[in-house]
Amino acid sequence: QVQLVESGGGLVQPGGSLRLSCAASGFTFGDYFMSWYRQAPGKERELVARITNTAGRTTYADAVKGRFTISRDNAKNTVYLQMNSLKPEDTAVYYCNADGSWHFGATYWGQGTQVTVSS
């Protein structure tokens, strides 16, 4: 069975940091692009960051560029999102995504973890 389990969310003050983790199982992790998305209440889900399966090339939303870093450890089947200099507008549910659609016809989502940035 396929599973993506996010962890590391919580309440943090503006300017603080959090590190999100997504543990994957049930599929060949190293064959999939991994991404973090986020969604605030009443807003569209948006791509935050993406990392390729092997080359490690990354993509970031303009709103987080320079503050967030996505990384992956294929040996541990885990993708991370290091979030620094957090702002209130970063408040959202953050979702882990595994994308192998172009070769495997499969995309998987985690259940999400809440990040709240507030003083």
N, C-alpha and C. Protein backbone atom coordinates (compact mmCIF):
# COMPACT_ATOMS: atom_id res chain seq x y z
N GLN A 1 0.82 -1.17 0.00
CA GLN A 1 0.00 0.00 0.00
C GLN A 1 0.88 1.25 0.00
N VAL A 2 0.41 2.26 -0.72
CA VAL A 2 1.14 3.51 -0.82
C VAL A 2 0.78 4.40 0.35
N GLN A 3 1.80 5.03 0.92
CA GLN A 3 1.57 5.92 2.04
C GLN A 3 2.58 7.05 2.04
N LEU A 4 2.10 8.26 2.25
CA LEU A 4 2.93 9.43 2.47
C LEU A 4 2.48 10.05 3.79
N VAL A 5 3.40 10.16 4.73
CA VAL A 5 3.06 10.64 6.06
C VAL A 5 3.89 11.87 6.38
N GLU A 6 3.23 13.02 6.48
CA GLU A 6 3.90 14.27 6.82
C GLU A 6 4.01 14.43 8.33
N SER A 7 5.05 15.10 8.75
CA SER A 7 5.23 15.43 10.15
C SER A 7 6.06 16.70 10.27
N GLY A 8 6.05 17.30 11.44
CA GLY A 8 6.88 18.46 11.70
C GLY A 8 6.15 19.78 11.74
N GLY A 9 4.87 19.78 11.43
CA GLY A 9 4.11 21.01 11.48
C GLY A 9 3.84 21.44 12.91
N GLY A 10 3.32 22.65 13.05
CA GLY A 10 3.01 23.17 14.36
C GLY A 10 2.88 24.67 14.35
N LEU A 11 2.92 25.24 15.54
CA LEU A 11 2.80 26.68 15.72
C LEU A 11 4.19 27.28 15.92
N VAL A 12 4.47 28.34 15.17
CA VAL A 12 5.77 28.99 15.27
C VAL A 12 5.57 30.50 15.14
N GLN A 13 6.43 31.26 15.78
CA GLN A 13 6.36 32.71 15.68
C GLN A 13 6.97 33.21 14.37
N PRO A 14 6.52 34.37 13.89
CA PRO A 14 7.15 34.95 12.71
C PRO A 14 8.66 35.05 12.88
N GLY A 15 9.37 34.70 11.82
CA GLY A 15 10.82 34.68 11.86
C GLY A 15 11.41 33.36 12.30
N GLY A 16 10.58 32.46 12.78
CA GLY A 16 11.04 31.17 13.24
C GLY A 16 11.21 30.17 12.12
N SER A 17 11.55 28.94 12.49
CA SER A 17 11.82 27.89 11.53
C SER A 17 11.09 26.61 11.88
N LEU A 18 10.78 25.84 10.86
CA LEU A 18 10.23 24.50 11.01
C LEU A 18 10.84 23.62 9.94
N ARG A 19 10.93 22.34 10.24
CA ARG A 19 11.38 21.36 9.26
C ARG A 19 10.31 20.30 9.11
N LEU A 20 9.71 20.23 7.93
CA LEU A 20 8.71 19.22 7.64
C LEU A 20 9.37 17.99 7.05
N SER A 21 8.81 16.84 7.38
CA SER A 21 9.28 15.58 6.82
C SER A 21 8.11 14.84 6.19
N CYS A 22 8.39 14.07 5.17
CA CYS A 22 7.40 13.22 4.53
C CYS A 22 8.02 11.86 4.31
N ALA A 23 7.51 10.87 5.02
CA ALA A 23 8.00 9.51 4.91
C ALA A 23 7.14 8.73 3.93
N ALA A 24 7.77 8.15 2.92
CA ALA A 24 7.06 7.46 1.85
C ALA A 24 7.26 5.96 1.94
N SER A 25 6.24 5.22 1.53
CA SER A 25 6.33 3.77 1.48
C SER A 25 5.34 3.23 0.46
N GLY A 26 5.59 2.02 -0.02
CA GLY A 26 4.66 1.36 -0.91
C GLY A 26 4.87 1.63 -2.39
N PHE A 27 5.91 2.37 -2.73
CA PHE A 27 6.25 2.61 -4.13
C PHE A 27 7.74 2.89 -4.23
N THR A 28 8.25 2.93 -5.45
CA THR A 28 9.68 3.15 -5.66
C THR A 28 9.98 4.64 -5.57
N PHE A 29 10.32 5.06 -4.39
CA PHE A 29 10.50 6.48 -4.07
C PHE A 29 11.45 7.17 -5.03
N GLY A 30 12.55 6.53 -5.36
CA GLY A 30 13.58 7.14 -6.19
C GLY A 30 13.17 7.38 -7.63
N ASP A 31 12.02 6.87 -8.04
CA ASP A 31 11.53 7.08 -9.40
C ASP A 31 10.58 8.26 -9.51
N TYR A 32 10.27 8.91 -8.40
CA TYR A 32 9.25 9.94 -8.38
C TYR A 32 9.83 11.31 -8.05
N PHE A 33 9.33 12.33 -8.75
CA PHE A 33 9.52 13.69 -8.30
C PHE A 33 8.73 13.89 -7.01
N MET A 34 9.30 14.62 -6.08
CA MET A 34 8.63 14.91 -4.83
C MET A 34 8.40 16.40 -4.67
N SER A 35 7.24 16.75 -4.16
CA SER A 35 6.88 18.15 -4.01
C SER A 35 6.19 18.40 -2.68
N TRP A 36 6.24 19.66 -2.28
CA TRP A 36 5.42 20.16 -1.20
C TRP A 36 4.44 21.18 -1.76
N TYR A 37 3.18 21.01 -1.42
CA TYR A 37 2.13 21.96 -1.73
C TYR A 37 1.57 22.50 -0.42
N ARG A 38 0.86 23.61 -0.51
CA ARG A 38 0.18 24.12 0.67
C ARG A 38 -1.17 24.71 0.27
N GLN A 39 -2.06 24.72 1.23
CA GLN A 39 -3.40 25.26 1.01
C GLN A 39 -3.90 25.93 2.28
N ALA A 40 -4.23 27.20 2.15
CA ALA A 40 -4.85 27.94 3.23
C ALA A 40 -6.37 27.88 3.06
N PRO A 41 -7.12 28.02 4.14
CA PRO A 41 -8.59 27.96 4.04
C PRO A 41 -9.13 28.95 3.02
N GLY A 42 -9.99 28.46 2.13
CA GLY A 42 -10.60 29.30 1.12
C GLY A 42 -9.72 29.64 -0.06
N LYS A 43 -8.52 29.10 -0.10
CA LYS A 43 -7.60 29.39 -1.19
C LYS A 43 -7.25 28.14 -1.96
N GLU A 44 -6.72 28.33 -3.15
CA GLU A 44 -6.30 27.22 -3.99
C GLU A 44 -5.02 26.59 -3.44
N ARG A 45 -4.90 25.29 -3.65
CA ARG A 45 -3.66 24.63 -3.31
C ARG A 45 -2.56 25.09 -4.27
N GLU A 46 -1.39 25.39 -3.73
CA GLU A 46 -0.31 25.90 -4.55
C GLU A 46 0.97 25.11 -4.33
N LEU A 47 1.75 25.02 -5.39
CA LEU A 47 3.05 24.37 -5.32
C LEU A 47 4.02 25.25 -4.54
N VAL A 48 4.69 24.66 -3.57
CA VAL A 48 5.69 25.36 -2.78
C VAL A 48 7.09 25.05 -3.27
N ALA A 49 7.39 23.78 -3.44
CA ALA A 49 8.72 23.36 -3.85
C ALA A 49 8.67 21.98 -4.47
N ARG A 50 9.60 21.71 -5.37
CA ARG A 50 9.67 20.43 -6.03
C ARG A 50 11.13 20.03 -6.22
N ILE A 51 11.39 18.73 -6.14
CA ILE A 51 12.74 18.22 -6.36
C ILE A 51 12.64 17.00 -7.25
N THR A 52 13.57 16.88 -8.20
CA THR A 52 13.55 15.77 -9.14
C THR A 52 13.98 14.48 -8.47
N ASN A 53 13.78 13.38 -9.17
CA ASN A 53 14.00 12.08 -8.55
C ASN A 53 15.47 11.75 -8.30
N THR A 54 16.35 12.12 -9.24
CA THR A 54 17.75 11.74 -9.11
C THR A 54 18.73 12.91 -9.19
N ALA A 55 18.46 13.85 -10.07
CA ALA A 55 19.40 14.95 -10.28
C ALA A 55 19.39 15.97 -9.15
N GLY A 56 18.31 16.03 -8.41
CA GLY A 56 18.22 16.96 -7.31
C GLY A 56 17.92 18.39 -7.70
N ARG A 57 17.47 18.60 -8.93
CA ARG A 57 17.10 19.94 -9.35
C ARG A 57 15.83 20.37 -8.63
N THR A 58 15.79 21.62 -8.22
CA THR A 58 14.68 22.10 -7.40
C THR A 58 13.96 23.26 -8.04
N THR A 59 12.70 23.41 -7.67
CA THR A 59 11.86 24.51 -8.09
C THR A 59 11.14 25.05 -6.87
N TYR A 60 11.03 26.39 -6.78
CA TYR A 60 10.38 27.02 -5.65
C TYR A 60 9.38 28.06 -6.11
N ALA A 61 8.32 28.19 -5.35
CA ALA A 61 7.41 29.30 -5.55
C ALA A 61 8.13 30.60 -5.21
N ASP A 62 7.80 31.66 -5.93
CA ASP A 62 8.44 32.95 -5.68
C ASP A 62 8.28 33.39 -4.23
N ALA A 63 7.16 33.08 -3.63
CA ALA A 63 6.88 33.53 -2.28
C ALA A 63 7.79 32.92 -1.23
N VAL A 64 8.41 31.78 -1.54
CA VAL A 64 9.25 31.11 -0.56
C VAL A 64 10.71 31.04 -0.96
N LYS A 65 11.02 31.45 -2.15
CA LYS A 65 12.38 31.37 -2.65
C LYS A 65 13.34 32.13 -1.74
N GLY A 66 14.42 31.47 -1.38
CA GLY A 66 15.40 32.05 -0.49
C GLY A 66 15.15 31.78 0.97
N ARG A 67 13.94 31.30 1.31
CA ARG A 67 13.60 30.99 2.70
C ARG A 67 13.41 29.50 2.94
N PHE A 68 12.88 28.80 1.94
CA PHE A 68 12.59 27.37 2.08
C PHE A 68 13.59 26.56 1.27
N THR A 69 13.88 25.36 1.74
CA THR A 69 14.75 24.44 1.02
C THR A 69 14.15 23.05 1.03
N ILE A 70 13.96 22.47 -0.16
CA ILE A 70 13.49 21.10 -0.26
C ILE A 70 14.70 20.18 -0.48
N SER A 71 14.65 19.02 0.14
CA SER A 71 15.70 18.03 -0.04
C SER A 71 15.10 16.64 0.08
N ARG A 72 15.86 15.64 -0.35
CA ARG A 72 15.37 14.27 -0.24
C ARG A 72 16.50 13.33 0.09
N ASP A 73 16.16 12.26 0.76
CA ASP A 73 17.08 11.19 1.08
C ASP A 73 16.46 9.91 0.54
N ASN A 74 16.91 9.49 -0.63
CA ASN A 74 16.30 8.33 -1.27
C ASN A 74 16.54 7.04 -0.49
N ALA A 75 17.63 6.98 0.25
CA ALA A 75 17.90 5.80 1.06
C ALA A 75 16.91 5.67 2.20
N LYS A 76 16.36 6.79 2.65
CA LYS A 76 15.38 6.80 3.73
C LYS A 76 13.96 6.98 3.25
N ASN A 77 13.77 7.11 1.94
CA ASN A 77 12.44 7.33 1.37
C ASN A 77 11.75 8.52 2.03
N THR A 78 12.49 9.60 2.18
CA THR A 78 11.97 10.76 2.89
C THR A 78 12.32 12.04 2.15
N VAL A 79 11.36 12.95 2.10
CA VAL A 79 11.58 14.28 1.56
C VAL A 79 11.35 15.29 2.67
N TYR A 80 12.13 16.37 2.66
CA TYR A 80 12.09 17.37 3.71
C TYR A 80 11.79 18.75 3.14
N LEU A 81 11.25 19.60 3.98
CA LEU A 81 11.11 21.01 3.65
C LEU A 81 11.58 21.81 4.85
N GLN A 82 12.73 22.43 4.70
CA GLN A 82 13.25 23.32 5.73
C GLN A 82 12.69 24.71 5.49
N MET A 83 11.98 25.24 6.46
CA MET A 83 11.32 26.53 6.34
C MET A 83 11.93 27.50 7.35
N ASN A 84 12.56 28.54 6.84
CA ASN A 84 13.17 29.56 7.66
C ASN A 84 12.49 30.90 7.44
N SER A 85 12.72 31.82 8.36
CA SER A 85 12.16 33.17 8.26
C SER A 85 10.67 33.14 7.97
N LEU A 86 9.95 32.34 8.71
CA LEU A 86 8.54 32.13 8.45
C LEU A 86 7.73 33.40 8.66
N LYS A 87 6.71 33.55 7.82
CA LYS A 87 5.82 34.69 7.84
C LYS A 87 4.39 34.22 8.09
N PRO A 88 3.53 35.09 8.60
CA PRO A 88 2.13 34.70 8.80
C PRO A 88 1.47 34.18 7.53
N GLU A 89 1.83 34.71 6.38
CA GLU A 89 1.24 34.26 5.13
C GLU A 89 1.68 32.86 4.72
N ASP A 90 2.63 32.27 5.44
CA ASP A 90 3.00 30.89 5.22
C ASP A 90 2.05 29.91 5.91
N THR A 91 1.14 30.42 6.70
CA THR A 91 0.18 29.58 7.41
C THR A 91 -0.69 28.82 6.41
N ALA A 92 -0.71 27.50 6.55
CA ALA A 92 -1.45 26.64 5.63
C ALA A 92 -1.30 25.20 6.06
N VAL A 93 -2.08 24.33 5.44
CA VAL A 93 -1.82 22.90 5.52
C VAL A 93 -0.84 22.55 4.42
N TYR A 94 0.23 21.88 4.79
CA TYR A 94 1.27 21.51 3.84
C TYR A 94 1.14 20.04 3.49
N TYR A 95 1.14 19.76 2.18
CA TYR A 95 0.93 18.42 1.67
C TYR A 95 2.15 17.91 0.92
N CYS A 96 2.48 16.68 1.15
CA CYS A 96 3.53 16.00 0.42
C CYS A 96 2.94 15.34 -0.83
N ASN A 97 3.64 15.46 -1.94
CA ASN A 97 3.17 14.90 -3.21
C ASN A 97 4.28 14.10 -3.88
N ALA A 98 3.91 12.94 -4.39
CA ALA A 98 4.81 12.11 -5.17
C ALA A 98 4.26 12.02 -6.59
N ASP A 99 5.06 12.41 -7.57
CA ASP A 99 4.59 12.50 -8.95
C ASP A 99 5.41 11.59 -9.85
N GLY A 100 4.78 10.52 -10.30
CA GLY A 100 5.35 9.66 -11.32
C GLY A 100 4.42 9.52 -12.50
N SER A 101 3.61 10.54 -12.71
CA SER A 101 2.51 10.45 -13.67
C SER A 101 2.96 10.20 -15.10
N TRP A 102 4.09 10.78 -15.50
CA TRP A 102 4.48 10.70 -16.90
C TRP A 102 4.97 9.31 -17.31
N HIS A 103 5.46 8.53 -16.36
CA HIS A 103 5.92 7.18 -16.68
C HIS A 103 5.12 6.09 -16.01
N PHE A 104 4.53 6.38 -14.88
CA PHE A 104 3.82 5.37 -14.11
C PHE A 104 2.33 5.62 -14.02
N GLY A 105 1.89 6.77 -14.47
CA GLY A 105 0.48 7.11 -14.38
C GLY A 105 -0.01 7.21 -12.96
N ALA A 106 0.87 7.60 -12.04
CA ALA A 106 0.52 7.60 -10.63
C ALA A 106 0.99 8.88 -9.95
N THR A 107 0.12 9.43 -9.13
CA THR A 107 0.42 10.57 -8.28
C THR A 107 -0.18 10.30 -6.91
N TYR A 108 0.61 10.55 -5.87
CA TYR A 108 0.16 10.26 -4.51
C TYR A 108 0.24 11.50 -3.64
N TRP A 109 -0.67 11.57 -2.67
CA TRP A 109 -0.75 12.69 -1.75
C TRP A 109 -0.75 12.22 -0.30
N GLY A 110 -0.10 12.99 0.55
CA GLY A 110 -0.21 12.77 1.98
C GLY A 110 -1.44 13.45 2.53
N GLN A 111 -1.68 13.28 3.83
CA GLN A 111 -2.85 13.84 4.48
C GLN A 111 -2.67 15.29 4.90
N GLY A 112 -1.44 15.75 4.94
CA GLY A 112 -1.16 17.14 5.26
C GLY A 112 -0.77 17.34 6.71
N THR A 113 -0.03 18.41 6.94
CA THR A 113 0.34 18.82 8.29
C THR A 113 0.16 20.33 8.41
N GLN A 114 -0.42 20.76 9.51
CA GLN A 114 -0.74 22.17 9.70
C GLN A 114 0.49 22.95 10.14
N VAL A 115 0.72 24.07 9.46
CA VAL A 115 1.74 25.03 9.86
C VAL A 115 1.04 26.35 10.14
N THR A 116 1.23 26.86 11.34
CA THR A 116 0.64 28.13 11.73
C THR A 116 1.74 29.06 12.19
N VAL A 117 1.82 30.22 11.56
CA VAL A 117 2.82 31.23 11.89
C VAL A 117 2.10 32.42 12.49
N SER A 118 2.29 32.63 13.77
CA SER A 118 1.55 33.67 14.47
C SER A 118 2.29 34.09 15.73
N SER A 119 2.17 35.36 16.08
CA SER A 119 2.73 35.86 17.31
C SER A 119 1.71 35.84 18.45
